[in-house]
C-alpha atoms as a PDB file:
ATOM      1  CA  GLU A   1     -12.677   0.887  -2.432  1.00  0.00           C
ATOM      2  CA  ALA A   2     -11.163  -1.673  -5.715  1.00  0.00           C
ATOM      3  CA  TYR A   3      -8.049  -0.071  -4.439  1.00  0.00           C
ATOM      4  CA  PHE A   4      -8.458  -1.289  -1.128  1.00  0.00           C
ATOM      5  CA  GLN A   5     -10.053  -5.221  -2.220  1.00  0.00           C
ATOM      6  CA  GLY A   6      -6.081  -6.700  -2.889  1.00  0.00           C
ATOM      7  CA  LEU A   7      -5.317  -5.610   0.894  1.00  0.00           C
ATOM      8  CA  VAL A   8      -8.769  -6.780   2.760  1.00  0.00           C
ATOM      9  CA  ASP A   9      -9.194 -10.366   0.553  1.00  0.00           C
ATOM     10  CA  LEU A  10      -5.516 -10.931   3.144  1.00  0.00           C
ATOM     11  CA  PHE A  11      -7.286 -11.212   5.923  1.00  0.00           C
ATOM     12  CA  GLY A  12     -10.594 -13.434   3.788  1.00  0.00           C
ATOM     13  CA  TYR A  13      -9.290 -16.849   4.545  1.00  0.00           C
ATOM     14  CA  VAL A  14      -8.357 -18.655   7.466  1.00  0.00           C
ATOM     15  CA  GLU A  15      -5.172 -18.232   6.472  1.00  0.00           C
ATOM     16  CA  PRO A  16      -3.201 -15.658   7.394  1.00  0.00           C
ATOM     17  CA  VAL A  17      -2.147 -14.002   4.213  1.00  0.00           C
ATOM     18  CA  PRO A  18      -2.179 -16.506   1.577  1.00  0.00           C
ATOM     19  CA  ALA A  19       0.126 -16.508  -0.621  1.00  0.00           C
ATOM     20  CA  CYS A  20      -2.824 -16.677  -3.913  1.00  0.00           C
ATOM     21  CA  GLU A  21      -3.647 -12.839  -2.531  1.00  0.00           C
ATOM     22  CA  TRP A  22      -0.102 -11.766  -2.583  1.00  0.00           C
ATOM     23  CA  ASP A  23      -0.661 -10.484  -6.559  1.00  0.00           C
ATOM     24  CA  ASN A  24      -3.529  -8.430  -5.396  1.00  0.00           C
ATOM     25  CA  ALA A  25      -2.581  -7.503  -2.411  1.00  0.00           C
ATOM     26  CA  ARG A  26       0.568  -6.026  -4.399  1.00  0.00           C
ATOM     27  CA  SER A  27      -1.469  -4.391  -7.203  1.00  0.00           C
ATOM     28  CA  SER A  28      -3.326  -2.769  -4.054  1.00  0.00           C
ATOM     29  CA  LEU A  29      -0.447  -0.446  -2.443  1.00  0.00           C
ATOM     30  CA  GLN A  30       0.742  -0.153  -6.389  1.00  0.00           C
ATOM     31  CA  MET A  31      -2.410   1.520  -7.310  1.00  0.00           C
ATOM     32  CA  LEU A  32      -2.454   3.476  -4.303  1.00  0.00           C
ATOM     33  CA  SER A  33       0.738   5.092  -4.848  1.00  0.00           C
ATOM     34  CA  LYS A  34       0.479   6.077  -8.001  1.00  0.00           C
ATOM     35  CA  THR A  35      -2.941   7.419  -7.777  1.00  0.00           C
ATOM     36  CA  LEU A  36      -1.422   9.976  -5.007  1.00  0.00           C
ATOM     37  CA  LYS A  37       1.484  10.926  -7.177  1.00  0.00           C
ATOM     38  CA  GLU A  38      -0.871  11.751  -9.701  1.00  0.00           C
ATOM     39  CA  ARG A  39      -3.968  13.331  -7.933  1.00  0.00           C
ATOM     40  CA  GLU A  40      -0.711  15.083  -6.251  1.00  0.00           C
ATOM     41  CA  LEU A  41      -1.335  18.728  -7.329  1.00  0.00           C
ATOM     42  CA  MET A  42      -5.073  18.219  -6.593  1.00  0.00           C
ATOM     43  CA  LEU A  43      -4.557  17.554  -2.842  1.00  0.00           C
ATOM     44  CA  MET A  44      -2.116  20.726  -2.489  1.00  0.00           C
ATOM     45  CA  MET A  45      -3.948  22.780  -3.755  1.00  0.00           C
ATOM     46  CA  GLY A  46      -4.756  25.524  -1.613  1.00  0.00           C
ATOM     47  CA  LEU A  47      -1.977  24.508   0.291  1.00  0.00           C
ATOM     48  CA  THR A  48       0.716  27.360   0.854  1.00  0.00           C
ATOM     49  CA  GLY A  49       4.262  27.809   2.790  1.00  0.00           C
ATOM     50  CA  ASP A  50       5.176  25.343   5.441  1.00  0.00           C
ATOM     51  CA  PHE A  51       2.273  23.119   5.643  1.00  0.00           C
ATOM     52  CA  ARG A  52       2.646  22.948   1.814  1.00  0.00           C
ATOM     53  CA  TYR A  53       5.973  21.556   2.318  1.00  0.00           C
ATOM     54  CA  LYS A  54       4.258  19.404   5.238  1.00  0.00           C
ATOM     55  CA  THR A  55       2.252  18.037   3.101  1.00  0.00           C
ATOM     56  CA  GLN A  56       4.469  17.675  -0.048  1.00  0.00           C
ATOM     57  CA  SER A  57       7.058  15.665   2.043  1.00  0.00           C
ATOM     58  CA  SER A  58       4.222  12.884   3.383  1.00  0.00           C
ATOM     59  CA  LEU A  59       2.962  12.628   0.012  1.00  0.00           C
ATOM     60  CA  LEU A  60       6.919  11.456  -1.112  1.00  0.00           C
ATOM     61  CA  VAL A  61       7.315   9.135   2.338  1.00  0.00           C
ATOM     62  CA  VAL A  62       3.454   7.739   2.190  1.00  0.00           C
ATOM     63  CA  THR A  63       4.053   6.812  -2.434  1.00  0.00           C
ATOM     64  CA  GLU A  64       7.316   5.241  -1.054  1.00  0.00           C
ATOM     65  CA  ARG A  65       6.617   3.674   1.189  1.00  0.00           C
ATOM     66  CA  LEU A  66       3.333   2.360  -0.456  1.00  0.00           C
ATOM     67  CA  GLU A  67       5.858   0.759  -3.433  1.00  0.00           C
ATOM     68  CA  LYS A  68       7.625  -0.762  -0.692  1.00  0.00           C
ATOM     69  CA  ALA A  69       5.315  -2.600   1.323  1.00  0.00           C
ATOM     70  CA  ALA A  70       4.651  -3.916  -2.437  1.00  0.00           C
ATOM     71  CA  LYS A  71       7.765  -5.392  -2.961  1.00  0.00           C
ATOM     72  CA  LEU A  72       6.549  -7.714  -0.086  1.00  0.00           C
ATOM     73  CA  PHE A  73       4.481  -9.737  -1.968  1.00  0.00           C
ATOM     74  CA  LEU A  74       6.990 -10.906  -4.500  1.00  0.00           C
ATOM     75  CA  PRO A  75       7.968 -14.166  -3.850  1.00  0.00           C
ATOM     76  CA  GLY A  76      10.503 -13.985  -1.011  1.00  0.00           C
ATOM     77  CA  GLY A  77       9.865 -10.743   0.260  1.00  0.00           C
ATOM     78  CA  PHE A  78       8.568 -12.063   3.934  1.00  0.00           C
ATOM     79  CA  TYR A  79       8.287 -15.402   5.292  1.00  0.00           C
ATOM     80  CA  MET A  80       4.422 -16.239   7.235  1.00  0.00           C
ATOM     81  CA  PRO A  81       5.171 -19.135  10.003  1.00  0.00           C
ATOM     82  CA  ALA A  82       2.585 -21.691  10.437  1.00  0.00           C
ATOM     83  CA  ASP A  83      -0.226 -20.275  12.778  1.00  0.00           C
ATOM     84  CA  PRO A  84       0.747 -21.334  16.304  1.00  0.00           C
ATOM     85  CA  ARG A  85      -3.205 -22.339  16.643  1.00  0.00           C
ATOM     86  CA  ASP A  86      -2.701 -25.601  14.710  1.00  0.00           C
END
């Protein structure tokens, strides 16, 4: 639950994805990736054969994508255009 807080906070403002929350969002994504890596053996427990291989491959893809997404919240990682409603 706490791992998602940094992502949830991105949407708690009138301004979408405010820069003041980028560090927390990046940390949340990094923590999610790290936790999945650390718990891989537990998540794979009891899985065998092709299903185990596919699950392990999927976990690798997810952790890589979370790490890549975390880089979006570095300075220059992405551009947030002005709100067109203003």
